[in-house]
PDB file of N, CA and C in Angstrom:
ATOM      1  N   UNK A   1      25.392-109.349  57.138  1.00  0.00           N
ATOM      2  CA  UNK A   1      26.609-108.773  57.578  1.00  0.00           C
ATOM      3  C   UNK A   1      26.670-108.776  59.047  1.00  0.00           C
ATOM      4  N   UNK A   2      27.807-108.816  59.791  1.00  0.00           N
ATOM      5  CA  UNK A   2      28.085-108.757  60.990  1.00  0.00           C
ATOM      6  C   UNK A   2      28.999-107.490  61.287  1.00  0.00           C
ATOM      7  N   UNK A   3      29.127-106.634  60.382  1.00  0.00           N
ATOM      8  CA  UNK A   3      29.918-105.301  60.659  1.00  0.00           C
ATOM      9  C   UNK A   3      31.330-105.496  60.487  1.00  0.00           C
ATOM     10  N   UNK A   4      31.761-106.568  59.831  1.00  0.00           N
ATOM     11  CA  UNK A   4      33.287-106.741  59.667  1.00  0.00           C
ATOM     12  C   UNK A   4      33.876-106.144  58.332  1.00  0.00           C
ATOM     13  N   UNK A   5      34.930-105.693  58.456  1.00  0.00           N
ATOM     14  CA  UNK A   5      35.656-104.939  57.319  1.00  0.00           C
ATOM     15  C   UNK A   5      36.100-106.137  56.412  1.00  0.00           C
ATOM     16  N   UNK A   6      35.436-106.049  55.207  1.00  0.00           N
ATOM     17  CA  UNK A   6      35.918-107.053  54.096  1.00  0.00           C
ATOM     18  C   UNK A   6      37.019-106.575  53.190  1.00  0.00           C
ATOM     19  N   UNK A   7      37.163-105.326  52.979  1.00  0.00           N
ATOM     20  CA  UNK A   7      37.968-104.924  52.038  1.00  0.00           C
ATOM     21  C   UNK A   7      38.396-103.424  52.529  1.00  0.00           C
ATOM     22  N   UNK A   8      39.647-102.778  52.037  1.00  0.00           N
ATOM     23  CA  UNK A   8      40.012-101.649  52.369  1.00  0.00           C
ATOM     24  C   UNK A   8      40.375-100.820  51.081  1.00  0.00           C
ATOM     25  N   UNK A   9      40.614 -99.717  50.914  1.00  0.00           N
ATOM     26  CA  UNK A   9      41.203 -99.018  49.755  1.00  0.00           C
ATOM     27  C   UNK A   9      42.290 -98.130  50.315  1.00  0.00           C
ATOM     28  N   UNK A  10      43.301 -97.833  49.421  1.00  0.00           N
ATOM     29  CA  UNK A  10      44.507 -97.213  49.687  1.00  0.00           C
ATOM     30  C   UNK A  10      44.295 -95.758  50.265  1.00  0.00           C
ATOM     31  N   UNK A  11      43.195 -95.086  49.737  1.00  0.00           N
ATOM     32  CA  UNK A  11      43.046 -93.662  50.258  1.00  0.00           C
ATOM     33  C   UNK A  11      42.702 -93.725  51.674  1.00  0.00           C
ATOM     34  N   UNK A  12      41.804 -94.541  52.133  1.00  0.00           N
ATOM     35  CA  UNK A  12      41.380 -94.807  53.573  1.00  0.00           C
ATOM     36  C   UNK A  12      42.560 -95.037  54.404  1.00  0.00           C
ATOM     37  N   UNK A  13      43.139 -96.128  53.931  1.00  0.00           N
ATOM     38  CA  UNK A  13      44.451 -96.692  54.739  1.00  0.00           C
ATOM     39  C   UNK A  13      45.528 -95.577  54.889  1.00  0.00           C
ATOM     40  N   UNK A  14      45.585 -94.631  53.901  1.00  0.00           N
ATOM     41  CA  UNK A  14      46.617 -93.679  54.070  1.00  0.00           C
ATOM     42  C   UNK A  14      46.076 -92.430  54.986  1.00  0.00           C
ATOM     43  N   UNK A  15      44.831 -92.136  54.905  1.00  0.00           N
ATOM     44  CA  UNK A  15      44.242 -91.264  55.817  1.00  0.00           C
ATOM     45  C   UNK A  15      44.089 -91.751  57.227  1.00  0.00           C
ATOM     46  N   UNK A  16      43.895 -92.967  57.523  1.00  0.00           N
ATOM     47  CA  UNK A  16      43.830 -93.613  58.880  1.00  0.00           C
ATOM     48  C   UNK A  16      44.838 -94.187  59.490  1.00  0.00           C
ATOM     49  N   UNK A  17      46.016 -94.306  58.605  1.00  0.00           N
ATOM     50  CA  UNK A  17      47.282 -94.842  59.074  1.00  0.00           C
ATOM     51  C   UNK A  17      47.448 -96.384  59.393  1.00  0.00           C
ATOM     52  N   UNK A  18      46.500 -97.288  58.808  1.00  0.00           N
ATOM     53  CA  UNK A  18      46.382 -98.529  58.993  1.00  0.00           C
ATOM     54  C   UNK A  18      47.071 -99.255  57.776  1.00  0.00           C
ATOM     55  N   UNK A  19      47.355-100.584  58.049  1.00  0.00           N
ATOM     56  CA  UNK A  19      47.725-101.579  56.965  1.00  0.00           C
ATOM     57  C   UNK A  19      46.500-102.340  56.764  1.00  0.00           C
ATOM     58  N   UNK A  20      46.148-102.966  55.554  1.00  0.00           N
ATOM     59  CA  UNK A  20      45.073-103.841  55.458  1.00  0.00           C
ATOM     60  C   UNK A  20      45.090-104.958  56.413  1.00  0.00           C
ATOM     61  N   UNK A  21      46.135-105.536  56.828  1.00  0.00           N
ATOM     62  CA  UNK A  21      46.247-106.540  57.823  1.00  0.00           C
ATOM     63  C   UNK A  21      45.704-106.145  59.278  1.00  0.00           C
ATOM     64  N   UNK A  22      45.727-104.860  59.492  1.00  0.00           N
ATOM     65  CA  UNK A  22      45.227-104.340  60.723  1.00  0.00           C
ATOM     66  C   UNK A  22      43.565-104.301  60.723  1.00  0.00           C
ATOM     67  N   UNK A  23      42.992-104.298  59.582  1.00  0.00           N
ATOM     68  CA  UNK A  23      41.528-103.994  59.465  1.00  0.00           C
ATOM     69  C   UNK A  23      40.775-105.202  59.008  1.00  0.00           C
ATOM     70  N   UNK A  24      41.352-105.914  57.869  1.00  0.00           N
ATOM     71  CA  UNK A  24      40.578-106.947  57.486  1.00  0.00           C
ATOM     72  C   UNK A  24      40.048-108.082  58.384  1.00  0.00           C
ATOM     73  N   UNK A  25      38.704-108.147  58.401  1.00  0.00           N
ATOM     74  CA  UNK A  25      38.112-109.241  59.376  1.00  0.00           C
ATOM     75  C   UNK A  25      37.790-108.399  60.772  1.00  0.00           C
ATOM     76  N   UNK A  26      38.219-107.289  60.952  1.00  0.00           N
ATOM     77  CA  UNK A  26      37.953-106.704  62.378  1.00  0.00           C
ATOM     78  C   UNK A  26      36.597-106.005  62.055  1.00  0.00           C
ATOM     79  N   UNK A  27      36.057-105.581  63.199  1.00  0.00           N
ATOM     80  CA  UNK A  27      34.822-104.834  63.402  1.00  0.00           C
ATOM     81  C   UNK A  27      35.025-103.523  62.701  1.00  0.00           C
ATOM     82  N   UNK A  28      33.958-102.977  61.977  1.00  0.00           N
ATOM     83  CA  UNK A  28      34.084-101.538  61.648  1.00  0.00           C
ATOM     84  C   UNK A  28      34.215-100.660  62.735  1.00  0.00           C
ATOM     85  N   UNK A  29      33.824-100.968  63.981  1.00  0.00           N
ATOM     86  CA  UNK A  29      34.000-100.150  65.183  1.00  0.00           C
ATOM     87  C   UNK A  29      35.449 -99.943  65.289  1.00  0.00           C
ATOM     88  N   UNK A  30      36.444-100.716  64.883  1.00  0.00           N
ATOM     89  CA  UNK A  30      37.904-100.533  65.011  1.00  0.00           C
ATOM     90  C   UNK A  30      38.175 -99.096  64.599  1.00  0.00           C
ATOM     91  N   UNK A  31      37.664 -98.477  63.323  1.00  0.00           N
ATOM     92  CA  UNK A  31      37.891 -97.235  62.823  1.00  0.00           C
ATOM     93  C   UNK A  31      37.101 -96.151  63.480  1.00  0.00           C
ATOM     94  N   UNK A  32      36.515 -96.405  64.755  1.00  0.00           N
ATOM     95  CA  UNK A  32      35.833 -95.255  65.323  1.00  0.00           C
ATOM     96  C   UNK A  32      36.472 -95.160  66.612  1.00  0.00           C
ATOM     97  N   UNK A  33      36.304 -93.932  67.151  1.00  0.00           N
ATOM     98  CA  UNK A  33      36.793 -93.567  68.522  1.00  0.00           C
ATOM     99  C   UNK A  33      36.431 -94.499  69.583  1.00  0.00           C
ATOM    100  N   UNK A  34      37.025 -95.181  70.327  1.00  0.00           N
ATOM    101  CA  UNK A  34      36.612 -96.118  71.430  1.00  0.00           C
ATOM    102  C   UNK A  34      35.534 -95.525  72.255  1.00  0.00           C
ATOM    103  N   UNK A  35      35.686 -94.176  72.590  1.00  0.00           N
ATOM    104  CA  UNK A  35      34.755 -93.582  73.428  1.00  0.00           C
ATOM    105  C   UNK A  35      33.280 -93.569  72.784  1.00  0.00           C
ATOM    106  N   UNK A  36      33.193 -93.722  71.487  1.00  0.00           N
ATOM    107  CA  UNK A  36      31.835 -93.761  70.656  1.00  0.00           C
ATOM    108  C   UNK A  36      31.558 -95.073  70.174  1.00  0.00           C
ATOM    109  N   UNK A  37      32.185 -96.033  70.677  1.00  0.00           N
ATOM    110  CA  UNK A  37      31.854 -97.417  70.077  1.00  0.00           C
ATOM    111  C   UNK A  37      30.307 -97.711  70.270  1.00  0.00           C
ATOM    112  N   UNK A  38      29.740 -97.577  71.506  1.00  0.00           N
ATOM    113  CA  UNK A  38      28.340 -97.773  71.546  1.00  0.00           C
ATOM    114  C   UNK A  38      27.362 -97.035  70.667  1.00  0.00           C
ATOM    115  N   UNK A  39      27.795 -95.823  70.442  1.00  0.00           N
ATOM    116  CA  UNK A  39      26.953 -94.999  69.634  1.00  0.00           C
ATOM    117  C   UNK A  39      27.121 -95.403  68.178  1.00  0.00           C
ATOM    118  N   UNK A  40      28.347 -95.754  67.814  1.00  0.00           N
ATOM    119  CA  UNK A  40      28.596 -96.261  66.435  1.00  0.00           C
ATOM    120  C   UNK A  40      27.909 -97.700  66.246  1.00  0.00           C
ATOM    121  N   UNK A  41      27.878 -98.499  67.203  1.00  0.00           N
ATOM    122  CA  UNK A  41      27.362 -99.811  66.985  1.00  0.00           C
ATOM    123  C   UNK A  41      25.696 -99.595  66.731  1.00  0.00           C
ATOM    124  N   UNK A  42      25.180 -98.644  67.618  1.00  0.00           N
ATOM    125  CA  UNK A  42      23.780 -98.353  67.458  1.00  0.00           C
ATOM    126  C   UNK A  42      23.473 -97.845  65.939  1.00  0.00           C
ATOM    127  N   UNK A  43      24.397 -96.825  65.482  1.00  0.00           N
ATOM    128  CA  UNK A  43      24.075 -96.383  64.169  1.00  0.00           C
ATOM    129  C   UNK A  43      24.299 -97.609  62.963  1.00  0.00           C
ATOM    130  N   UNK A  44      25.415 -98.365  63.271  1.00  0.00           N
ATOM    131  CA  UNK A  44      25.499 -99.369  62.285  1.00  0.00           C
ATOM    132  C   UNK A  44      24.404-100.444  62.322  1.00  0.00           C
ATOM    133  N   UNK A  45      23.867-100.671  63.443  1.00  0.00           N
ATOM    134  CA  UNK A  45      22.730-101.525  63.442  1.00  0.00           C
ATOM    135  C   UNK A  45      21.376-100.791  62.784  1.00  0.00           C
ATOM    136  N   UNK A  46      21.178 -99.583  62.958  1.00  0.00           N
ATOM    137  CA  UNK A  46      20.118 -98.917  62.508  1.00  0.00           C
ATOM    138  C   UNK A  46      20.371 -98.779  60.994  1.00  0.00           C
ATOM    139  N   UNK A  47      21.542 -98.618  60.481  1.00  0.00           N
ATOM    140  CA  UNK A  47      21.710 -98.520  58.973  1.00  0.00           C
ATOM    141  C   UNK A  47      21.448 -99.875  58.384  1.00  0.00           C
ATOM    142  N   UNK A  48      21.938-100.938  58.905  1.00  0.00           N
ATOM    143  CA  UNK A  48      21.784-102.334  58.522  1.00  0.00           C
ATOM    144  C   UNK A  48      20.284-102.729  58.477  1.00  0.00           C
ATOM    145  N   UNK A  49      19.562-102.149  59.396  1.00  0.00           N
ATOM    146  CA  UNK A  49      18.183-102.436  59.454  1.00  0.00           C
ATOM    147  C   UNK A  49      17.283-101.596  58.552  1.00  0.00           C
ATOM    148  N   UNK A  50      17.961-100.679  57.770  1.00  0.00           N
ATOM    149  CA  UNK A  50      17.281 -99.769  57.021  1.00  0.00           C
ATOM    150  C   UNK A  50      16.639 -98.438  57.600  1.00  0.00           C
ATOM    151  N   UNK A  51      16.921 -98.210  58.829  1.00  0.00           N
ATOM    152  CA  UNK A  51      16.179 -97.351  59.818  1.00  0.00           C
ATOM    153  C   UNK A  51      16.923 -95.954  59.609  1.00  0.00           C
ATOM    154  N   UNK A  52      18.053 -95.979  59.167  1.00  0.00           N
ATOM    155  CA  UNK A  52      18.959 -94.824  59.118  1.00  0.00           C
ATOM    156  C   UNK A  52      19.906 -94.830  57.921  1.00  0.00           C
ATOM    157  N   UNK A  53      20.174 -93.848  57.128  1.00  0.00           N
ATOM    158  CA  UNK A  53      20.957 -93.946  55.844  1.00  0.00           C
ATOM    159  C   UNK A  53      22.253 -93.359  56.169  1.00  0.00           C
ATOM    160  N   UNK A  54      22.717 -92.628  57.128  1.00  0.00           N
ATOM    161  CA  UNK A  54      24.102 -92.161  57.310  1.00  0.00           C
ATOM    162  C   UNK A  54      24.507 -92.361  58.661  1.00  0.00           C
ATOM    163  N   UNK A  55      25.870 -92.230  58.979  1.00  0.00           N
ATOM    164  CA  UNK A  55      26.416 -92.219  60.266  1.00  0.00           C
ATOM    165  C   UNK A  55      27.357 -91.028  60.334  1.00  0.00           C
ATOM    166  N   UNK A  56      27.249 -90.107  61.121  1.00  0.00           N
ATOM    167  CA  UNK A  56      28.091 -88.839  61.170  1.00  0.00           C
ATOM    168  C   UNK A  56      29.270 -89.009  62.426  1.00  0.00           C
ATOM    169  N   UNK A  57      29.320 -90.262  62.965  1.00  0.00           N
ATOM    170  CA  UNK A  57      30.402 -90.523  64.049  1.00  0.00           C
ATOM    171  C   UNK A  57      31.713 -90.584  63.227  1.00  0.00           C
ATOM    172  N   UNK A  58      32.685 -89.724  63.683  1.00  0.00           N
ATOM    173  CA  UNK A  58      33.933 -89.604  63.311  1.00  0.00           C
ATOM    174  C   UNK A  58      34.782 -90.873  63.062  1.00  0.00           C
ATOM    175  N   UNK A  59      35.657 -91.077  62.241  1.00  0.00           N
ATOM    176  CA  UNK A  59      36.712 -92.135  62.353  1.00  0.00           C
ATOM    177  C   UNK A  59      37.796 -91.690  63.013  1.00  0.00           C
ATOM    178  N   UNK A  60      38.431 -92.709  63.469  1.00  0.00           N
ATOM    179  CA  UNK A  60      39.641 -92.487  64.392  1.00  0.00           C
ATOM    180  C   UNK A  60      41.008 -93.096  63.781  1.00  0.00           C
ATOM    181  N   UNK A  61      41.917 -92.292  63.505  1.00  0.00           N
ATOM    182  CA  UNK A  61      43.304 -92.840  62.882  1.00  0.00           C
ATOM    183  C   UNK A  61      43.920 -93.758  63.979  1.00  0.00           C
ATOM    184  N   UNK A  62      44.853 -94.496  63.388  1.00  0.00           N
ATOM    185  CA  UNK A  62      45.552 -95.632  64.244  1.00  0.00           C
ATOM    186  C   UNK A  62      46.141 -94.666  65.300  1.00  0.00           C
ATOM    187  N   UNK A  63      46.699 -93.466  65.179  1.00  0.00           N
ATOM    188  CA  UNK A  63      47.497 -92.788  66.189  1.00  0.00           C
ATOM    189  C   UNK A  63      46.331 -91.790  67.057  1.00  0.00           C
ATOM    190  N   UNK A  64      44.966 -92.046  66.791  1.00  0.00           N
ATOM    191  CA  UNK A  64      44.144 -91.564  67.839  1.00  0.00           C
ATOM    192  C   UNK A  64      43.313 -90.180  67.273  1.00  0.00           C
ATOM    193  N   UNK A  65      43.903 -89.623  66.165  1.00  0.00           N
ATOM    194  CA  UNK A  65      43.291 -88.312  65.682  1.00  0.00           C
ATOM    195  C   UNK A  65      41.832 -88.684  65.187  1.00  0.00           C
ATOM    196  N   UNK A  66      40.909 -87.837  65.436  1.00  0.00           N
ATOM    197  CA  UNK A  66      39.577 -87.972  64.944  1.00  0.00           C
ATOM    198  C   UNK A  66      39.475 -87.230  63.471  1.00  0.00           C
ATOM    199  N   UNK A  67      38.697 -87.928  62.519  1.00  0.00           N
ATOM    200  CA  UNK A  67      38.431 -87.319  61.359  1.00  0.00           C
ATOM    201  C   UNK A  67      36.918 -87.364  61.024  1.00  0.00           C
ATOM    202  N   UNK A  68      36.315 -86.177  60.796  1.00  0.00           N
ATOM    203  CA  UNK A  68      34.847 -86.018  60.726  1.00  0.00           C
ATOM    204  C   UNK A  68      34.530 -86.678  59.229  1.00  0.00           C
ATOM    205  N   UNK A  69      33.439 -87.638  59.313  1.00  0.00           N
ATOM    206  CA  UNK A  69      33.035 -88.176  58.096  1.00  0.00           C
ATOM    207  C   UNK A  69      31.466 -88.277  58.094  1.00  0.00           C
ATOM    208  N   UNK A  70      30.979 -88.587  56.871  1.00  0.00           N
ATOM    209  CA  UNK A  70      29.653 -89.179  56.871  1.00  0.00           C
ATOM    210  C   UNK A  70      29.755 -90.495  56.118  1.00  0.00           C
ATOM    211  N   UNK A  71      29.360 -91.562  56.882  1.00  0.00           N
ATOM    212  CA  UNK A  71      29.448 -92.790  56.374  1.00  0.00           C
ATOM    213  C   UNK A  71      28.013 -93.482  56.008  1.00  0.00           C
ATOM    214  N   UNK A  72      28.057 -94.011  54.757  1.00  0.00           N
ATOM    215  CA  UNK A  72      26.904 -94.476  54.338  1.00  0.00           C
ATOM    216  C   UNK A  72      26.970 -96.116  54.123  1.00  0.00           C
ATOM    217  N   UNK A  73      25.842 -96.906  54.238  1.00  0.00           N
ATOM    218  CA  UNK A  73      26.078 -98.222  53.916  1.00  0.00           C
ATOM    219  C   UNK A  73      25.102 -98.746  52.879  1.00  0.00           C
ATOM    220  N   UNK A  74      25.766 -99.398  51.788  1.00  0.00           N
ATOM    221  CA  UNK A  74      25.020 -99.858  50.728  1.00  0.00           C
ATOM    222  C   UNK A  74      25.049-101.497  50.844  1.00  0.00           C
ATOM    223  N   UNK A  75      23.782-102.045  51.000  1.00  0.00           N
ATOM    224  CA  UNK A  75      23.779-103.441  50.855  1.00  0.00           C
ATOM    225  C   UNK A  75      23.876-104.107  49.623  1.00  0.00           C
ATOM    226  N   UNK A  76      24.612-105.214  49.583  1.00  0.00           N
ATOM    227  CA  UNK A  76      24.573-105.886  48.230  1.00  0.00           C
ATOM    228  C   UNK A  76      25.287-107.314  48.437  1.00  0.00           C
ATOM    229  N   UNK A  77      26.078-107.697  47.379  1.00  0.00           N
ATOM    230  CA  UNK A  77      26.768-108.824  47.514  1.00  0.00           C
ATOM    231  C   UNK A  77      28.310-108.628  47.173  1.00  0.00           C
ATOM    232  N   UNK A  78      28.974-109.389  48.051  1.00  0.00           N
ATOM    233  CA  UNK A  78      30.560-109.200  48.011  1.00  0.00           C
ATOM    234  C   UNK A  78      31.170-110.459  47.808  1.00  0.00           C
ATOM    235  N   UNK A  79      31.739-110.999  46.779  1.00  0.00           N
ATOM    236  CA  UNK A  79      32.372-112.342  46.798  1.00  0.00           C
ATOM    237  C   UNK A  79      31.181-113.331  46.943  1.00  0.00           C
ATOM    238  N   UNK A  80      30.007-113.071  46.321  1.00  0.00           N
ATOM    239  CA  UNK A  80      29.159-114.079  46.228  1.00  0.00           C
ATOM    240  C   UNK A  80      28.264-114.143  47.614  1.00  0.00           C
ATOM    241  N   UNK A  81      28.632-113.261  48.516  1.00  0.00           N
ATOM    242  CA  UNK A  81      27.823-113.149  49.974  1.00  0.00           C
ATOM    243  C   UNK A  81      27.086-112.016  50.094  1.00  0.00           C
ATOM    244  N   UNK A  82      26.115-111.987  50.951  1.00  0.00           N
ATOM    245  CA  UNK A  82      25.486-110.701  51.327  1.00  0.00           C
ATOM    246  C   UNK A  82      26.439-109.810  52.113  1.00  0.00           C
ATOM    247  N   UNK A  83      26.392-108.601  51.712  1.00  0.00           N
ATOM    248  CA  UNK A  83      27.295-107.657  52.498  1.00  0.00           C
ATOM    249  C   UNK A  83      26.641-106.365  52.657  1.00  0.00           C
TER     250      UNK A  83
END
């Protein structure tokens, strides 16, 4: 995986204020505050490498509000591809 958003769910979209077309194919960094993109990228890389289990970096709504979250990555297959 390269950290691209493959799918969305209605609850996340409603909380963040995005439409599916805003996010599908975009980097997961899109939903993190721009000022924390480097930190979020490092956490994502560590999770993908199996070195870290969670990310506590907040998500950022389309209008700029921050939402505290705990993000986890589960590796598997999505539509026949590693994800």
